[in-house]
Amino acid sequence: MSKIIVTFSWILALTISSTFAATFTFHQALESFYKKAKPSMPAAESDGRTPTLNQKGATAPTLDYVTLSFLDFAKNKRVLEVGGAYGNVMLEALHRNSSTVYHLNDLDERHLGIAAFRLQEKIDQRKICMAGLENVQFIYGDITQPSWNVKKPYDAILMANVMRFLTPTQIDQAFSNLFTSLKSGGRIFIIAMSPYVKRYKSFIPEYQRRLKAGLPNPGFVENIRQYANEDSMSQDQLHTIANGHFMFLDDVTLSNLAQKAGFKVLECTFKSLSYKSDSWELDGRENVILIGEKP
């Protein structure tokens, strides 16, 4: 099947000072990919993770517990993925059921273009049915902005490995927006990083001190580089760590944040990584997950 490229004008859904939100069809996102000289995904690291183009983490080589739960719940429903990068989960969801209405969000427009191109490849390979393309949209926008808005609420939202890059204020706003973006009975599926990771293990004593002192947001770090464990990283990995804030979360803190926003917490617990990693694995508590429901 030949590539399908249709030229559309891009219409911004919202532009207010530094905030932004724009929704694109599959064809518009694919057009962006070709206009931007076909950006490519970086090479995978030794543990199989693929770095993002904007240095906001990396995509995992395997599907984790929360993502699998989301995929099971998402079939034939209207769903949103926040921070979906190259579209790994979207491709799996549409492979399982092309009738699923899937909206992929990211802060980097290049990621959305790559995701659209990868979707076209799956269509060409007949691994995904083309008939469902009208159900796919790409959202270039920031869920931490007060101006975030959706035209029609979702049945489920996946937000995987995003909260680590947010401030406490941004997380509060994100939870508020997640709540308003869901139907009654809709569910959120969240995976976040806990403090119990090898790469930043020097932060654990400070984190435990903050917990004991009852400090709010005990996992928030102003400059993550100061806690980097150089012995567990290659020079290339160390180079990707920016001098900036970082948020580690635990089961109690994450559950409280969700309940504060109005969610009923169905499950919130620590989980191990779904893949082997010499730079991240520590004691099986590397991730914290949450599944919540809007009453």
C-alpha atoms as a PDB file:
ATOM      1  CA  MET A   1       0.000   0.000   0.000  1.00  0.00           C
ATOM      2  CA  SER A   2       1.478   3.381  -0.896  1.00  0.00           C
ATOM      3  CA  LYS A   3       2.018   6.146   1.617  1.00  0.00           C
ATOM      4  CA  ILE A   4      -0.917   8.525   1.914  1.00  0.00           C
ATOM      5  CA  ILE A   5       0.014  12.197   2.257  1.00  0.00           C
ATOM      6  CA  VAL A   6      -2.735  14.776   2.306  1.00  0.00           C
ATOM      7  CA  THR A   7      -2.019  18.480   2.725  1.00  0.00           C
ATOM      8  CA  PHE A   8      -4.067  20.263   5.349  1.00  0.00           C
ATOM      9  CA  SER A   9      -3.754  23.635   6.994  1.00  0.00           C
ATOM     10  CA  TRP A  10      -2.971  23.290  10.682  1.00  0.00           C
ATOM     11  CA  ILE A  11      -5.484  25.050  12.886  1.00  0.00           C
ATOM     12  CA  LEU A  12      -4.483  25.911  16.411  1.00  0.00           C
ATOM     13  CA  ALA A  13      -7.191  24.992  18.862  1.00  0.00           C
ATOM     14  CA  LEU A  14      -5.718  27.286  21.474  1.00  0.00           C
ATOM     15  CA  THR A  15      -2.870  29.799  21.658  1.00  0.00           C
ATOM     16  CA  ILE A  16      -2.576  31.852  24.851  1.00  0.00           C
ATOM     17  CA  SER A  17       0.857  33.358  25.663  1.00  0.00           C
ATOM     18  CA  SER A  18       3.164  30.407  26.401  1.00  0.00           C
ATOM     19  CA  THR A  19       0.369  27.819  26.508  1.00  0.00           C
ATOM     20  CA  PHE A  20      -0.625  25.840  23.476  1.00  0.00           C
ATOM     21  CA  ALA A  21      -2.879  23.079  22.267  1.00  0.00           C
ATOM     22  CA  ALA A  22      -3.491  21.847  18.768  1.00  0.00           C
ATOM     23  CA  THR A  23      -5.264  18.736  17.516  1.00  0.00           C
ATOM     24  CA  PHE A  24      -4.234  17.036  14.284  1.00  0.00           C
ATOM     25  CA  THR A  25      -5.663  14.232  12.220  1.00  0.00           C
ATOM     26  CA  PHE A  26      -3.504  11.283  11.195  1.00  0.00           C
ATOM     27  CA  HIS A  27      -2.842  12.860   7.801  1.00  0.00           C
ATOM     28  CA  GLN A  28      -1.864  16.219   9.314  1.00  0.00           C
ATOM     29  CA  ALA A  29       0.571  14.571  11.725  1.00  0.00           C
ATOM     30  CA  LEU A  30       2.039  12.520   8.875  1.00  0.00           C
ATOM     31  CA  GLU A  31       2.434  15.672   6.802  1.00  0.00           C
ATOM     32  CA  SER A  32       4.352  17.244   9.693  1.00  0.00           C
ATOM     33  CA  PHE A  33       6.729  14.280   9.726  1.00  0.00           C
ATOM     34  CA  TYR A  34       7.716  14.836   6.096  1.00  0.00           C
ATOM     35  CA  LYS A  35       7.879  18.628   6.447  1.00  0.00           C
ATOM     36  CA  LYS A  36      10.350  18.276   9.310  1.00  0.00           C
ATOM     37  CA  ALA A  37      12.803  16.242   7.211  1.00  0.00           C
ATOM     38  CA  LYS A  38      11.650  12.919   8.655  1.00  0.00           C
ATOM     39  CA  PRO A  39      13.029  13.022  12.212  1.00  0.00           C
ATOM     40  CA  SER A  40      14.173   9.617  13.441  1.00  0.00           C
ATOM     41  CA  MET A  41      14.032   7.827  16.769  1.00  0.00           C
ATOM     42  CA  PRO A  42      17.381   7.672  18.610  1.00  0.00           C
ATOM     43  CA  ALA A  43      19.167   4.356  19.012  1.00  0.00           C
ATOM     44  CA  ALA A  44      18.012   2.296  21.978  1.00  0.00           C
ATOM     45  CA  GLU A  45      20.166   2.184  25.102  1.00  0.00           C
ATOM     46  CA  SER A  46      21.686  -1.037  26.454  1.00  0.00           C
ATOM     47  CA  ASP A  47      18.521  -1.830  28.451  1.00  0.00           C
ATOM     48  CA  GLY A  48      16.284  -1.372  25.406  1.00  0.00           C
ATOM     49  CA  ARG A  49      14.906   2.035  26.393  1.00  0.00           C
ATOM     50  CA  THR A  50      14.644   4.582  23.551  1.00  0.00           C
ATOM     51  CA  PRO A  51      15.439   8.182  24.577  1.00  0.00           C
ATOM     52  CA  THR A  52      12.943  10.878  23.644  1.00  0.00           C
ATOM     53  CA  LEU A  53      14.021  13.706  21.354  1.00  0.00           C
ATOM     54  CA  ASN A  54      13.344  16.363  24.008  1.00  0.00           C
ATOM     55  CA  GLN A  55      15.346  14.580  26.745  1.00  0.00           C
ATOM     56  CA  LYS A  56      12.205  13.844  28.748  1.00  0.00           C
ATOM     57  CA  GLY A  57      12.991  10.263  29.669  1.00  0.00           C
ATOM     58  CA  ALA A  58      12.783   7.253  27.369  1.00  0.00           C
ATOM     59  CA  THR A  59      10.245   4.737  26.133  1.00  0.00           C
ATOM     60  CA  ALA A  60      10.409   1.272  27.699  1.00  0.00           C
ATOM     61  CA  PRO A  61      11.112  -1.814  25.579  1.00  0.00           C
ATOM     62  CA  THR A  62       8.251  -3.790  27.169  1.00  0.00           C
ATOM     63  CA  LEU A  63       4.716  -3.110  28.336  1.00  0.00           C
ATOM     64  CA  ASP A  64       4.328  -2.658  32.084  1.00  0.00           C
ATOM     65  CA  TYR A  65       1.485  -3.657  34.408  1.00  0.00           C
ATOM     66  CA  VAL A  66      -0.389  -0.346  34.191  1.00  0.00           C
ATOM     67  CA  THR A  67      -0.098  -0.125  30.413  1.00  0.00           C
ATOM     68  CA  LEU A  68      -1.406  -3.665  29.984  1.00  0.00           C
ATOM     69  CA  SER A  69      -4.300  -2.833  32.328  1.00  0.00           C
ATOM     70  CA  PHE A  70      -5.030   0.288  30.289  1.00  0.00           C
ATOM     71  CA  LEU A  71      -4.973  -1.677  27.023  1.00  0.00           C
ATOM     72  CA  ASP A  72      -7.432  -4.236  28.387  1.00  0.00           C
ATOM     73  CA  PHE A  73      -9.761  -1.482  29.574  1.00  0.00           C
ATOM     74  CA  ALA A  74      -9.389   0.640  26.422  1.00  0.00           C
ATOM     75  CA  LYS A  75     -10.858  -1.751  23.848  1.00  0.00           C
ATOM     76  CA  ASN A  76     -13.699  -0.121  21.881  1.00  0.00           C
ATOM     77  CA  LYS A  77     -13.516   2.943  24.133  1.00  0.00           C
ATOM     78  CA  ARG A  78     -12.536   6.597  23.747  1.00  0.00           C
ATOM     79  CA  VAL A  79      -9.087   7.003  25.300  1.00  0.00           C
ATOM     80  CA  LEU A  80      -6.243   9.490  25.696  1.00  0.00           C
ATOM     81  CA  GLU A  81      -2.548   8.886  26.259  1.00  0.00           C
ATOM     82  CA  VAL A  82      -0.625  11.785  27.818  1.00  0.00           C
ATOM     83  CA  GLY A  83       3.054  12.000  26.931  1.00  0.00           C
ATOM     84  CA  GLY A  84       2.855   9.110  24.483  1.00  0.00           C
ATOM     85  CA  ALA A  85       6.108   9.937  22.628  1.00  0.00           C
ATOM     86  CA  TYR A  86       6.599   7.652  19.602  1.00  0.00           C
ATOM     87  CA  GLY A  87       3.208   5.948  19.873  1.00  0.00           C
ATOM     88  CA  ASN A  88       4.257   2.510  21.153  1.00  0.00           C
ATOM     89  CA  VAL A  89       1.081   2.028  23.207  1.00  0.00           C
ATOM     90  CA  MET A  90      -1.138   3.546  20.521  1.00  0.00           C
ATOM     91  CA  LEU A  91       0.145   1.051  17.950  1.00  0.00           C
ATOM     92  CA  GLU A  92      -0.503  -1.850  20.304  1.00  0.00           C
ATOM     93  CA  ALA A  93      -4.007  -0.582  21.134  1.00  0.00           C
ATOM     94  CA  LEU A  94      -4.965  -0.184  17.463  1.00  0.00           C
ATOM     95  CA  HIS A  95      -3.445  -3.552  16.603  1.00  0.00           C
ATOM     96  CA  ARG A  96      -5.668  -5.142  19.230  1.00  0.00           C
ATOM     97  CA  ASN A  97      -8.777  -3.231  18.177  1.00  0.00           C
ATOM     98  CA  SER A  98      -8.931  -0.652  15.382  1.00  0.00           C
ATOM     99  CA  SER A  99     -12.330   0.543  16.635  1.00  0.00           C
ATOM    100  CA  THR A 100     -10.746   2.129  19.708  1.00  0.00           C
ATOM    101  CA  VAL A 101     -10.847   5.940  19.571  1.00  0.00           C
ATOM    102  CA  TYR A 102      -7.247   6.818  20.396  1.00  0.00           C
ATOM    103  CA  HIS A 103      -5.917  10.322  21.040  1.00  0.00           C
ATOM    104  CA  LEU A 104      -2.133  10.612  21.450  1.00  0.00           C
ATOM    105  CA  ASN A 105      -0.718  13.631  23.277  1.00  0.00           C
ATOM    106  CA  ASP A 106       2.863  14.859  23.552  1.00  0.00           C
ATOM    107  CA  LEU A 107       4.828  18.052  24.178  1.00  0.00           C
ATOM    108  CA  ASP A 108       7.136  17.447  21.215  1.00  0.00           C
ATOM    109  CA  GLU A 109       5.612  17.823  17.775  1.00  0.00           C
ATOM    110  CA  ARG A 110       8.357  15.605  16.289  1.00  0.00           C
ATOM    111  CA  HIS A 111       7.235  12.676  18.426  1.00  0.00           C
ATOM    112  CA  LEU A 112       3.713  12.949  17.042  1.00  0.00           C
ATOM    113  CA  GLY A 113       5.016  12.991  13.476  1.00  0.00           C
ATOM    114  CA  ILE A 114       7.106   9.876  14.094  1.00  0.00           C
ATOM    115  CA  ALA A 115       4.114   8.154  15.714  1.00  0.00           C
ATOM    116  CA  ALA A 116       1.987   8.915  12.634  1.00  0.00           C
ATOM    117  CA  PHE A 117       4.705   7.565  10.328  1.00  0.00           C
ATOM    118  CA  ARG A 118       4.979   4.383  12.380  1.00  0.00           C
ATOM    119  CA  LEU A 119       1.200   4.001  12.192  1.00  0.00           C
ATOM    120  CA  GLN A 120       1.394   4.309   8.392  1.00  0.00           C
ATOM    121  CA  GLU A 121       4.039   1.568   8.370  1.00  0.00           C
ATOM    122  CA  LYS A 122       1.764  -0.741  10.373  1.00  0.00           C
ATOM    123  CA  ILE A 123      -1.061  -0.039   7.943  1.00  0.00           C
ATOM    124  CA  ASP A 124       1.208  -0.831   4.990  1.00  0.00           C
ATOM    125  CA  GLN A 125       2.170  -4.090   6.698  1.00  0.00           C
ATOM    126  CA  ARG A 126      -1.543  -4.826   7.228  1.00  0.00           C
ATOM    127  CA  LYS A 127      -1.004  -5.093  10.976  1.00  0.00           C
ATOM    128  CA  ILE A 128      -3.483  -2.288  11.679  1.00  0.00           C
ATOM    129  CA  CYS A 129      -6.746  -1.726   9.830  1.00  0.00           C
ATOM    130  CA  MET A 130      -6.875   1.534   7.883  1.00  0.00           C
ATOM    131  CA  ALA A 131     -10.636   1.774   8.391  1.00  0.00           C
ATOM    132  CA  GLY A 132     -10.099   3.046  11.938  1.00  0.00           C
ATOM    133  CA  LEU A 133      -7.944   6.068  11.072  1.00  0.00           C
ATOM    134  CA  GLU A 134     -10.774   8.530  11.675  1.00  0.00           C
ATOM    135  CA  ASN A 135     -10.604   7.414  15.319  1.00  0.00           C
ATOM    136  CA  VAL A 136      -6.990   8.569  15.696  1.00  0.00           C
ATOM    137  CA  GLN A 137      -5.990  12.111  16.675  1.00  0.00           C
ATOM    138  CA  PHE A 138      -2.723  13.697  17.756  1.00  0.00           C
ATOM    139  CA  ILE A 139      -2.743  16.401  20.434  1.00  0.00           C
ATOM    140  CA  TYR A 140       0.190  18.789  20.729  1.00  0.00           C
ATOM    141  CA  GLY A 141      -0.417  20.333  24.139  1.00  0.00           C
ATOM    142  CA  ASP A 142       0.380  20.556  27.838  1.00  0.00           C
ATOM    143  CA  ILE A 143      -1.934  18.943  30.389  1.00  0.00           C
ATOM    144  CA  THR A 144      -0.365  20.978  33.208  1.00  0.00           C
ATOM    145  CA  GLN A 145      -1.871  24.215  31.854  1.00  0.00           C
ATOM    146  CA  PRO A 146      -5.090  25.660  33.369  1.00  0.00           C
ATOM    147  CA  SER A 147      -6.290  26.249  29.804  1.00  0.00           C
ATOM    148  CA  TRP A 148      -6.270  22.501  28.989  1.00  0.00           C
ATOM    149  CA  ASN A 149      -9.657  21.489  27.627  1.00  0.00           C
ATOM    150  CA  VAL A 150     -11.180  18.559  25.746  1.00  0.00           C
ATOM    151  CA  LYS A 151     -14.266  18.693  23.565  1.00  0.00           C
ATOM    152  CA  LYS A 152     -15.577  15.323  24.703  1.00  0.00           C
ATOM    153  CA  PRO A 153     -14.573  13.407  27.869  1.00  0.00           C
ATOM    154  CA  TYR A 154     -12.699  10.105  27.704  1.00  0.00           C
ATOM    155  CA  ASP A 155     -13.345   6.641  29.089  1.00  0.00           C
ATOM    156  CA  ALA A 156      -9.700   6.186  30.085  1.00  0.00           C
ATOM    157  CA  ILE A 157      -6.447   8.138  30.245  1.00  0.00           C
ATOM    158  CA  LEU A 158      -2.924   6.728  30.412  1.00  0.00           C
ATOM    159  CA  MET A 159      -0.154   8.924  31.838  1.00  0.00           C
ATOM    160  CA  ALA A 160       3.059   6.924  31.972  1.00  0.00           C
ATOM    161  CA  ASN A 161       6.416   8.271  33.145  1.00  0.00           C
ATOM    162  CA  VAL A 162       5.403  11.924  32.862  1.00  0.00           C
ATOM    163  CA  MET A 163       4.988  13.123  36.443  1.00  0.00           C
ATOM    164  CA  ARG A 164       8.703  12.832  37.189  1.00  0.00           C
ATOM    165  CA  PHE A 165       9.264  15.966  35.094  1.00  0.00           C
ATOM    166  CA  LEU A 166       6.597  18.088  36.821  1.00  0.00           C
ATOM    167  CA  THR A 167       6.633  20.438  39.787  1.00  0.00           C
ATOM    168  CA  PRO A 168       4.140  19.951  42.647  1.00  0.00           C
ATOM    169  CA  THR A 169       1.996  22.781  41.265  1.00  0.00           C
ATOM    170  CA  GLN A 170       2.015  21.228  37.795  1.00  0.00           C
ATOM    171  CA  ILE A 171       1.031  17.836  39.201  1.00  0.00           C
ATOM    172  CA  ASP A 172      -1.932  19.351  41.026  1.00  0.00           C
ATOM    173  CA  GLN A 173      -3.084  21.017  37.800  1.00  0.00           C
ATOM    174  CA  ALA A 174      -2.505  17.823  35.802  1.00  0.00           C
ATOM    175  CA  PHE A 175      -4.682  15.819  38.197  1.00  0.00           C
ATOM    176  CA  SER A 176      -7.389  18.469  38.000  1.00  0.00           C
ATOM    177  CA  ASN A 177      -7.288  18.312  34.193  1.00  0.00           C
ATOM    178  CA  LEU A 178      -7.281  14.512  34.207  1.00  0.00           C
ATOM    179  CA  PHE A 179     -10.420  14.569  36.351  1.00  0.00           C
ATOM    180  CA  THR A 180     -12.313  17.007  34.119  1.00  0.00           C
ATOM    181  CA  SER A 181     -11.199  15.136  30.976  1.00  0.00           C
ATOM    182  CA  LEU A 182     -12.863  11.876  32.070  1.00  0.00           C
ATOM    183  CA  LYS A 183     -16.425  10.646  31.966  1.00  0.00           C
ATOM    184  CA  SER A 184     -18.072   9.554  35.184  1.00  0.00           C
ATOM    185  CA  GLY A 185     -16.842   6.002  35.656  1.00  0.00           C
ATOM    186  CA  GLY A 186     -13.764   6.727  33.550  1.00  0.00           C
ATOM    187  CA  ARG A 187     -10.348   5.611  34.759  1.00  0.00           C
ATOM    188  CA  ILE A 188      -6.836   6.983  34.976  1.00  0.00           C
ATOM    189  CA  PHE A 189      -3.804   4.732  34.646  1.00  0.00           C
ATOM    190  CA  ILE A 190      -0.591   6.265  35.988  1.00  0.00           C
ATOM    191  CA  ILE A 191       2.963   5.028  36.332  1.00  0.00           C
ATOM    192  CA  ALA A 192       5.579   7.192  38.030  1.00  0.00           C
ATOM    193  CA  MET A 193       9.120   6.805  39.280  1.00  0.00           C
ATOM    194  CA  SER A 194       9.744   6.030  42.945  1.00  0.00           C
ATOM    195  CA  PRO A 195      12.883   7.109  44.834  1.00  0.00           C
ATOM    196  CA  TYR A 196      14.051   3.483  44.899  1.00  0.00           C
ATOM    197  CA  VAL A 197      16.115   3.482  41.716  1.00  0.00           C
ATOM    198  CA  LYS A 198      19.801   2.710  41.354  1.00  0.00           C
ATOM    199  CA  ARG A 199      20.529   5.721  39.167  1.00  0.00           C
ATOM    200  CA  TYR A 200      19.579   8.152  41.954  1.00  0.00           C
ATOM    201  CA  LYS A 201      19.998   6.006  45.051  1.00  0.00           C
ATOM    202  CA  SER A 202      21.955   8.739  46.872  1.00  0.00           C
ATOM    203  CA  PHE A 203      18.638  10.599  47.223  1.00  0.00           C
ATOM    204  CA  ILE A 204      17.008   7.819  49.266  1.00  0.00           C
ATOM    205  CA  PRO A 205      18.429   8.905  52.687  1.00  0.00           C
ATOM    206  CA  GLU A 206      17.243  12.478  52.059  1.00  0.00           C
ATOM    207  CA  TYR A 207      13.858  11.231  50.910  1.00  0.00           C
ATOM    208  CA  GLN A 208      13.460   9.104  54.045  1.00  0.00           C
ATOM    209  CA  ARG A 209      14.464  12.061  56.222  1.00  0.00           C
ATOM    210  CA  ARG A 210      11.760  14.181  54.579  1.00  0.00           C
ATOM    211  CA  LEU A 211       9.189  11.434  55.066  1.00  0.00           C
ATOM    212  CA  LYS A 212      10.032  11.149  58.749  1.00  0.00           C
ATOM    213  CA  ALA A 213       9.741  14.917  59.102  1.00  0.00           C
ATOM    214  CA  GLY A 214       6.328  14.872  57.426  1.00  0.00           C
ATOM    215  CA  LEU A 215       7.367  17.315  54.729  1.00  0.00           C
ATOM    216  CA  PRO A 216       5.022  17.859  51.766  1.00  0.00           C
ATOM    217  CA  ASN A 217       6.177  16.524  48.407  1.00  0.00           C
ATOM    218  CA  PRO A 218       9.131  14.598  49.891  1.00  0.00           C
ATOM    219  CA  GLY A 219      10.207  13.355  46.467  1.00  0.00           C
ATOM    220  CA  PHE A 220      10.608  16.742  44.802  1.00  0.00           C
ATOM    221  CA  VAL A 221      14.193  17.638  43.849  1.00  0.00           C
ATOM    222  CA  GLU A 222      15.234  21.076  42.594  1.00  0.00           C
ATOM    223  CA  ASN A 223      18.282  19.749  40.724  1.00  0.00           C
ATOM    224  CA  ILE A 224      18.327  16.035  39.928  1.00  0.00           C
ATOM    225  CA  ARG A 225      21.930  15.987  38.704  1.00  0.00           C
ATOM    226  CA  GLN A 226      23.265  16.349  42.239  1.00  0.00           C
ATOM    227  CA  TYR A 227      21.918  12.879  43.072  1.00  0.00           C
ATOM    228  CA  ALA A 228      23.122  11.097  39.920  1.00  0.00           C
ATOM    229  CA  ASN A 229      24.950   7.852  40.610  1.00  0.00           C
ATOM    230  CA  GLU A 230      27.728   8.027  38.029  1.00  0.00           C
ATOM    231  CA  ASP A 231      28.827   4.444  38.712  1.00  0.00           C
ATOM    232  CA  SER A 232      25.573   3.096  37.265  1.00  0.00           C
ATOM    233  CA  MET A 233      25.576   5.153  34.057  1.00  0.00           C
ATOM    234  CA  SER A 234      27.577   5.451  30.879  1.00  0.00           C
ATOM    235  CA  GLN A 235      28.964   8.828  29.895  1.00  0.00           C
ATOM    236  CA  ASP A 236      26.264   9.140  27.233  1.00  0.00           C
ATOM    237  CA  GLN A 237      23.554   8.481  29.835  1.00  0.00           C
ATOM    238  CA  LEU A 238      25.100  10.940  32.262  1.00  0.00           C
ATOM    239  CA  HIS A 239      25.217  13.555  29.529  1.00  0.00           C
ATOM    240  CA  THR A 240      21.432  13.352  29.057  1.00  0.00           C
ATOM    241  CA  ILE A 241      20.697  14.349  32.670  1.00  0.00           C
ATOM    242  CA  ALA A 242      19.737  18.008  32.714  1.00  0.00           C
ATOM    243  CA  ASN A 243      20.199  20.432  35.588  1.00  0.00           C
ATOM    244  CA  GLY A 244      16.550  20.651  36.489  1.00  0.00           C
ATOM    245  CA  HIS A 245      13.758  19.616  38.828  1.00  0.00           C
ATOM    246  CA  PHE A 246      12.520  16.063  39.256  1.00  0.00           C
ATOM    247  CA  MET A 247       9.652  14.413  41.123  1.00  0.00           C
ATOM    248  CA  PHE A 248       9.877  10.992  42.765  1.00  0.00           C
ATOM    249  CA  LEU A 249       6.568   9.617  44.031  1.00  0.00           C
ATOM    250  CA  ASP A 250       5.551   6.913  46.499  1.00  0.00           C
ATOM    251  CA  ASP A 251       2.274   5.051  46.947  1.00  0.00           C
ATOM    252  CA  VAL A 252       0.949   7.250  49.757  1.00  0.00           C
ATOM    253  CA  THR A 253       1.802  10.560  48.063  1.00  0.00           C
ATOM    254  CA  LEU A 254       0.417   9.490  44.675  1.00  0.00           C
ATOM    255  CA  SER A 255      -2.767   8.120  46.221  1.00  0.00           C
ATOM    256  CA  ASN A 256      -3.304  11.338  48.190  1.00  0.00           C
ATOM    257  CA  LEU A 257      -2.846  13.459  45.066  1.00  0.00           C
ATOM    258  CA  ALA A 258      -5.455  11.431  43.177  1.00  0.00           C
ATOM    259  CA  GLN A 259      -7.957  11.532  46.035  1.00  0.00           C
ATOM    260  CA  LYS A 260      -7.440  15.270  46.452  1.00  0.00           C
ATOM    261  CA  ALA A 261      -8.468  15.693  42.797  1.00  0.00           C
ATOM    262  CA  GLY A 262     -11.645  13.662  43.390  1.00  0.00           C
ATOM    263  CA  PHE A 263     -10.638  10.194  42.198  1.00  0.00           C
ATOM    264  CA  LYS A 264     -11.522   6.937  43.880  1.00  0.00           C
ATOM    265  CA  VAL A 265      -8.259   4.985  44.098  1.00  0.00           C
ATOM    266  CA  LEU A 266      -8.720   1.407  42.910  1.00  0.00           C
ATOM    267  CA  GLU A 267      -5.070   0.406  43.132  1.00  0.00           C
ATOM    268  CA  CYS A 268      -1.869   2.166  44.148  1.00  0.00           C
ATOM    269  CA  THR A 269       1.339   0.290  44.893  1.00  0.00           C
ATOM    270  CA  PHE A 270       5.025  -0.109  44.079  1.00  0.00           C
ATOM    271  CA  LYS A 271       5.951  -2.203  41.045  1.00  0.00           C
ATOM    272  CA  SER A 272       9.244  -3.484  39.682  1.00  0.00           C
ATOM    273  CA  LEU A 273      10.514  -2.587  36.217  1.00  0.00           C
ATOM    274  CA  SER A 274       9.115  -4.603  33.320  1.00  0.00           C
ATOM    275  CA  TYR A 275      12.608  -4.941  31.817  1.00  0.00           C
ATOM    276  CA  LYS A 276      16.183  -5.537  32.963  1.00  0.00           C
ATOM    277  CA  SER A 277      18.326  -2.455  33.544  1.00  0.00           C
ATOM    278  CA  ASP A 278      21.734  -2.189  35.194  1.00  0.00           C
ATOM    279  CA  SER A 279      21.293   1.561  35.688  1.00  0.00           C
ATOM    280  CA  TRP A 280      17.746   1.576  37.133  1.00  0.00           C
ATOM    281  CA  GLU A 281      16.972  -1.707  38.952  1.00  0.00           C
ATOM    282  CA  LEU A 282      17.425  -1.565  42.721  1.00  0.00           C
ATOM    283  CA  ASP A 283      15.006  -3.506  44.940  1.00  0.00           C
ATOM    284  CA  GLY A 284      11.799  -4.110  42.991  1.00  0.00           C
ATOM    285  CA  ARG A 285      10.136  -0.827  43.991  1.00  0.00           C
ATOM    286  CA  GLU A 286      11.380   1.266  41.068  1.00  0.00           C
ATOM    287  CA  ASN A 287       7.907   2.329  39.915  1.00  0.00           C
ATOM    288  CA  VAL A 288       4.717   3.360  41.666  1.00  0.00           C
ATOM    289  CA  ILE A 289       1.431   2.805  39.848  1.00  0.00           C
ATOM    290  CA  LEU A 290      -2.091   4.082  40.300  1.00  0.00           C
ATOM    291  CA  ILE A 291      -5.436   3.122  38.788  1.00  0.00           C
ATOM    292  CA  GLY A 292      -8.229   5.480  39.752  1.00  0.00           C
ATOM    293  CA  GLU A 293     -11.848   6.041  38.840  1.00  0.00           C
ATOM    294  CA  LYS A 294     -13.913   9.196  38.504  1.00  0.00           C
ATOM    295  CA  PRO A 295     -17.128   8.784  40.546  1.00  0.00           C
END
